[in-house]
Amino acid sequence: MVSTGEERLWALAQQNADQGDYAQAELVIKDIRAKFGETEKVLFFLGEMARLQGQPSHAEHYYQSCLRLNPLSLPARKMLALLYRQQR
């Protein structure tokens, strides 16, 4: 179950990302990770923030970490495939 505090932080991270402030969104997500633990959602969105900031190696790390938690994560698999295609 997601707590109200966690929901507020996710809303803030989303607002920052929607405004193009990916670095700030990343900081909020890292705060979520520190307070509520490392989850598939946290790792995936850290990957997204890294990708959007032009850091493909960091994004790859987060997506792979996401897959270690859930090997069937379709979003993480899709984003890894996209990264690998872009590296060609």
N, C-alpha and C. Protein backbone atom coordinates (compact mmCIF):
# COMPACT_ATOMS: atom_id res chain seq x y z
N MET A 1 0.83 -1.18 0.00
CA MET A 1 0.00 0.00 0.00
C MET A 1 0.88 1.25 0.00
N VAL A 2 0.51 2.24 -0.78
CA VAL A 2 1.27 3.47 -0.89
C VAL A 2 0.77 4.46 0.15
N SER A 3 1.70 5.04 0.91
CA SER A 3 1.32 6.01 1.93
C SER A 3 1.04 7.37 1.29
N THR A 4 0.35 8.20 2.03
CA THR A 4 0.03 9.54 1.54
C THR A 4 1.31 10.33 1.26
N GLY A 5 2.30 10.21 2.14
CA GLY A 5 3.58 10.90 1.93
C GLY A 5 4.27 10.44 0.67
N GLU A 6 4.21 9.14 0.42
CA GLU A 6 4.82 8.61 -0.80
C GLU A 6 4.07 9.10 -2.03
N GLU A 7 2.76 9.12 -1.95
CA GLU A 7 1.96 9.61 -3.08
C GLU A 7 2.29 11.06 -3.40
N ARG A 8 2.45 11.87 -2.36
CA ARG A 8 2.80 13.28 -2.58
C ARG A 8 4.16 13.41 -3.27
N LEU A 9 5.11 12.60 -2.83
CA LEU A 9 6.43 12.65 -3.45
C LEU A 9 6.39 12.21 -4.92
N TRP A 10 5.62 11.15 -5.20
CA TRP A 10 5.49 10.72 -6.60
C TRP A 10 4.84 11.81 -7.45
N ALA A 11 3.84 12.49 -6.88
CA ALA A 11 3.19 13.59 -7.61
C ALA A 11 4.18 14.71 -7.88
N LEU A 12 5.04 15.00 -6.91
CA LEU A 12 6.05 16.04 -7.10
C LEU A 12 7.07 15.63 -8.16
N ALA A 13 7.50 14.38 -8.11
CA ALA A 13 8.44 13.88 -9.12
C ALA A 13 7.82 13.97 -10.51
N GLN A 14 6.55 13.59 -10.63
CA GLN A 14 5.86 13.66 -11.92
C GLN A 14 5.75 15.10 -12.41
N GLN A 15 5.43 16.01 -11.49
CA GLN A 15 5.32 17.42 -11.85
C GLN A 15 6.67 17.95 -12.36
N ASN A 16 7.74 17.60 -11.66
CA ASN A 16 9.07 18.02 -12.10
C ASN A 16 9.40 17.46 -13.48
N ALA A 17 9.11 16.19 -13.68
CA ALA A 17 9.39 15.56 -14.97
C ALA A 17 8.54 16.20 -16.08
N ASP A 18 7.28 16.45 -15.79
CA ASP A 18 6.40 17.09 -16.78
C ASP A 18 6.91 18.47 -17.19
N GLN A 19 7.58 19.15 -16.26
CA GLN A 19 8.13 20.48 -16.53
C GLN A 19 9.53 20.41 -17.15
N GLY A 20 10.02 19.18 -17.38
CA GLY A 20 11.33 19.01 -17.98
C GLY A 20 12.49 19.11 -17.00
N ASP A 21 12.20 19.18 -15.72
CA ASP A 21 13.24 19.25 -14.71
C ASP A 21 13.56 17.83 -14.23
N TYR A 22 14.24 17.08 -15.10
CA TYR A 22 14.50 15.67 -14.83
C TYR A 22 15.47 15.48 -13.67
N ALA A 23 16.41 16.40 -13.51
CA ALA A 23 17.36 16.29 -12.39
C ALA A 23 16.63 16.41 -11.06
N GLN A 24 15.70 17.34 -10.96
CA GLN A 24 14.94 17.50 -9.72
C GLN A 24 14.02 16.29 -9.50
N ALA A 25 13.41 15.80 -10.57
CA ALA A 25 12.56 14.62 -10.45
C ALA A 25 13.39 13.43 -9.95
N GLU A 26 14.60 13.30 -10.46
CA GLU A 26 15.49 12.22 -10.02
C GLU A 26 15.78 12.33 -8.53
N LEU A 27 16.03 13.55 -8.06
CA LEU A 27 16.30 13.74 -6.63
C LEU A 27 15.09 13.34 -5.78
N VAL A 28 13.91 13.68 -6.23
CA VAL A 28 12.70 13.31 -5.49
C VAL A 28 12.54 11.79 -5.47
N ILE A 29 12.80 11.15 -6.60
CA ILE A 29 12.67 9.69 -6.67
C ILE A 29 13.72 9.02 -5.76
N LYS A 30 14.91 9.58 -5.71
CA LYS A 30 15.92 9.04 -4.80
C LYS A 30 15.50 9.22 -3.35
N ASP A 31 14.79 10.31 -3.06
CA ASP A 31 14.24 10.51 -1.72
C ASP A 31 13.18 9.45 -1.42
N ILE A 32 12.35 9.15 -2.40
CA ILE A 32 11.35 8.08 -2.25
C ILE A 32 12.05 6.77 -1.94
N ARG A 33 13.11 6.48 -2.69
CA ARG A 33 13.87 5.24 -2.47
C ARG A 33 14.43 5.19 -1.05
N ALA A 34 14.97 6.31 -0.58
CA ALA A 34 15.56 6.34 0.77
C ALA A 34 14.50 6.15 1.85
N LYS A 35 13.33 6.71 1.64
CA LYS A 35 12.28 6.65 2.66
C LYS A 35 11.42 5.39 2.60
N PHE A 36 11.19 4.88 1.39
CA PHE A 36 10.21 3.79 1.23
C PHE A 36 10.78 2.52 0.61
N GLY A 37 12.06 2.54 0.25
CA GLY A 37 12.70 1.34 -0.26
C GLY A 37 12.85 1.31 -1.77
N GLU A 38 13.70 0.40 -2.19
CA GLU A 38 14.00 0.25 -3.61
C GLU A 38 12.98 -0.72 -4.22
N THR A 39 12.17 -0.19 -5.11
CA THR A 39 11.14 -0.99 -5.75
C THR A 39 11.34 -0.98 -7.26
N GLU A 40 10.62 -1.84 -7.93
CA GLU A 40 10.65 -1.87 -9.39
C GLU A 40 10.29 -0.50 -9.96
N LYS A 41 9.27 0.12 -9.41
CA LYS A 41 8.82 1.43 -9.90
C LYS A 41 9.92 2.47 -9.72
N VAL A 42 10.55 2.50 -8.56
CA VAL A 42 11.62 3.45 -8.29
C VAL A 42 12.75 3.27 -9.29
N LEU A 43 13.20 2.03 -9.47
CA LEU A 43 14.32 1.76 -10.38
C LEU A 43 13.97 2.11 -11.82
N PHE A 44 12.74 1.78 -12.23
CA PHE A 44 12.34 2.10 -13.60
C PHE A 44 12.35 3.60 -13.82
N PHE A 45 11.78 4.35 -12.91
CA PHE A 45 11.71 5.80 -13.12
C PHE A 45 13.07 6.47 -12.95
N LEU A 46 13.96 5.92 -12.15
CA LEU A 46 15.33 6.44 -12.13
C LEU A 46 15.99 6.20 -13.49
N GLY A 47 15.70 5.06 -14.09
CA GLY A 47 16.19 4.79 -15.44
C GLY A 47 15.65 5.80 -16.44
N GLU A 48 14.38 6.10 -16.32
CA GLU A 48 13.77 7.08 -17.23
C GLU A 48 14.41 8.45 -17.06
N MET A 49 14.63 8.87 -15.84
CA MET A 49 15.23 10.20 -15.62
C MET A 49 16.65 10.23 -16.17
N ALA A 50 17.41 9.15 -15.99
CA ALA A 50 18.76 9.09 -16.54
C ALA A 50 18.72 9.14 -18.07
N ARG A 51 17.81 8.40 -18.68
CA ARG A 51 17.69 8.39 -20.14
C ARG A 51 17.34 9.77 -20.65
N LEU A 52 16.40 10.43 -20.00
CA LEU A 52 15.96 11.75 -20.44
C LEU A 52 17.03 12.82 -20.22
N GLN A 53 17.99 12.54 -19.35
CA GLN A 53 19.11 13.46 -19.13
C GLN A 53 20.32 13.10 -19.99
N GLY A 54 20.13 12.16 -20.92
CA GLY A 54 21.22 11.78 -21.82
C GLY A 54 22.30 10.95 -21.17
N GLN A 55 21.92 10.13 -20.20
CA GLN A 55 22.87 9.26 -19.50
C GLN A 55 22.49 7.80 -19.74
N PRO A 56 22.74 7.29 -20.94
CA PRO A 56 22.27 5.93 -21.27
C PRO A 56 22.89 4.84 -20.41
N SER A 57 24.14 4.99 -19.99
CA SER A 57 24.74 3.93 -19.17
C SER A 57 24.09 3.87 -17.80
N HIS A 58 23.74 5.03 -17.24
CA HIS A 58 23.02 5.04 -15.96
C HIS A 58 21.61 4.46 -16.14
N ALA A 59 20.97 4.83 -17.23
CA ALA A 59 19.63 4.31 -17.50
C ALA A 59 19.68 2.79 -17.62
N GLU A 60 20.66 2.28 -18.35
CA GLU A 60 20.80 0.83 -18.51
C GLU A 60 20.96 0.15 -17.15
N HIS A 61 21.78 0.73 -16.29
CA HIS A 61 21.99 0.17 -14.95
C HIS A 61 20.67 0.07 -14.19
N TYR A 62 19.88 1.14 -14.21
CA TYR A 62 18.61 1.13 -13.48
C TYR A 62 17.61 0.15 -14.09
N TYR A 63 17.54 0.09 -15.41
CA TYR A 63 16.61 -0.86 -16.03
C TYR A 63 17.01 -2.30 -15.71
N GLN A 64 18.32 -2.57 -15.75
CA GLN A 64 18.78 -3.93 -15.41
C GLN A 64 18.49 -4.25 -13.94
N SER A 65 18.65 -3.27 -13.07
CA SER A 65 18.33 -3.48 -11.65
C SER A 65 16.85 -3.76 -11.48
N CYS A 66 16.04 -3.07 -12.25
CA CYS A 66 14.60 -3.29 -12.24
C CYS A 66 14.30 -4.75 -12.64
N LEU A 67 14.99 -5.23 -13.66
CA LEU A 67 14.77 -6.60 -14.12
C LEU A 67 15.27 -7.63 -13.10
N ARG A 68 16.25 -7.26 -12.30
CA ARG A 68 16.69 -8.19 -11.24
C ARG A 68 15.58 -8.37 -10.21
N LEU A 69 14.83 -7.30 -9.95
CA LEU A 69 13.70 -7.41 -9.03
C LEU A 69 12.52 -8.13 -9.66
N ASN A 70 12.29 -7.85 -10.94
CA ASN A 70 11.17 -8.48 -11.66
C ASN A 70 11.62 -8.78 -13.09
N PRO A 71 12.11 -10.00 -13.32
CA PRO A 71 12.59 -10.36 -14.66
C PRO A 71 11.53 -10.23 -15.76
N LEU A 72 10.27 -10.14 -15.39
CA LEU A 72 9.21 -10.05 -16.38
C LEU A 72 8.74 -8.61 -16.64
N SER A 73 9.44 -7.63 -16.08
CA SER A 73 9.04 -6.23 -16.24
C SER A 73 9.09 -5.82 -17.70
N LEU A 74 7.94 -5.71 -18.32
CA LEU A 74 7.86 -5.33 -19.72
C LEU A 74 8.37 -3.91 -19.97
N PRO A 75 8.01 -2.93 -19.13
CA PRO A 75 8.54 -1.57 -19.38
C PRO A 75 10.07 -1.52 -19.37
N ALA A 76 10.71 -2.20 -18.42
CA ALA A 76 12.17 -2.20 -18.35
C ALA A 76 12.76 -2.90 -19.57
N ARG A 77 12.15 -4.00 -19.99
CA ARG A 77 12.63 -4.71 -21.18
C ARG A 77 12.53 -3.83 -22.42
N LYS A 78 11.41 -3.13 -22.56
CA LYS A 78 11.22 -2.25 -23.71
C LYS A 78 12.25 -1.13 -23.75
N MET A 79 12.51 -0.54 -22.59
CA MET A 79 13.45 0.58 -22.56
C MET A 79 14.88 0.10 -22.80
N LEU A 80 15.24 -1.08 -22.30
CA LEU A 80 16.56 -1.63 -22.60
C LEU A 80 16.71 -1.88 -24.09
N ALA A 81 15.67 -2.42 -24.71
CA ALA A 81 15.71 -2.66 -26.15
C ALA A 81 15.90 -1.34 -26.90
N LEU A 82 15.20 -0.31 -26.48
CA LEU A 82 15.34 1.01 -27.10
C LEU A 82 16.77 1.52 -26.95
N LEU A 83 17.33 1.41 -25.76
CA LEU A 83 18.71 1.86 -25.54
C LEU A 83 19.68 1.10 -26.43
N TYR A 84 19.50 -0.21 -26.52
CA TYR A 84 20.42 -1.03 -27.32
C TYR A 84 20.31 -0.67 -28.80
N ARG A 85 19.08 -0.41 -29.27
CA ARG A 85 18.91 0.01 -30.67
C ARG A 85 19.58 1.34 -30.93
N GLN A 86 19.50 2.26 -29.98
CA GLN A 86 20.09 3.59 -30.16
C GLN A 86 21.62 3.52 -30.14
N GLN A 87 22.18 2.50 -29.54
CA GLN A 87 23.65 2.38 -29.46
C GLN A 87 24.26 1.84 -30.74
N ARG A 88 23.44 1.33 -31.63
CA ARG A 88 23.99 0.79 -32.89
C ARG A 88 24.49 1.86 -33.80
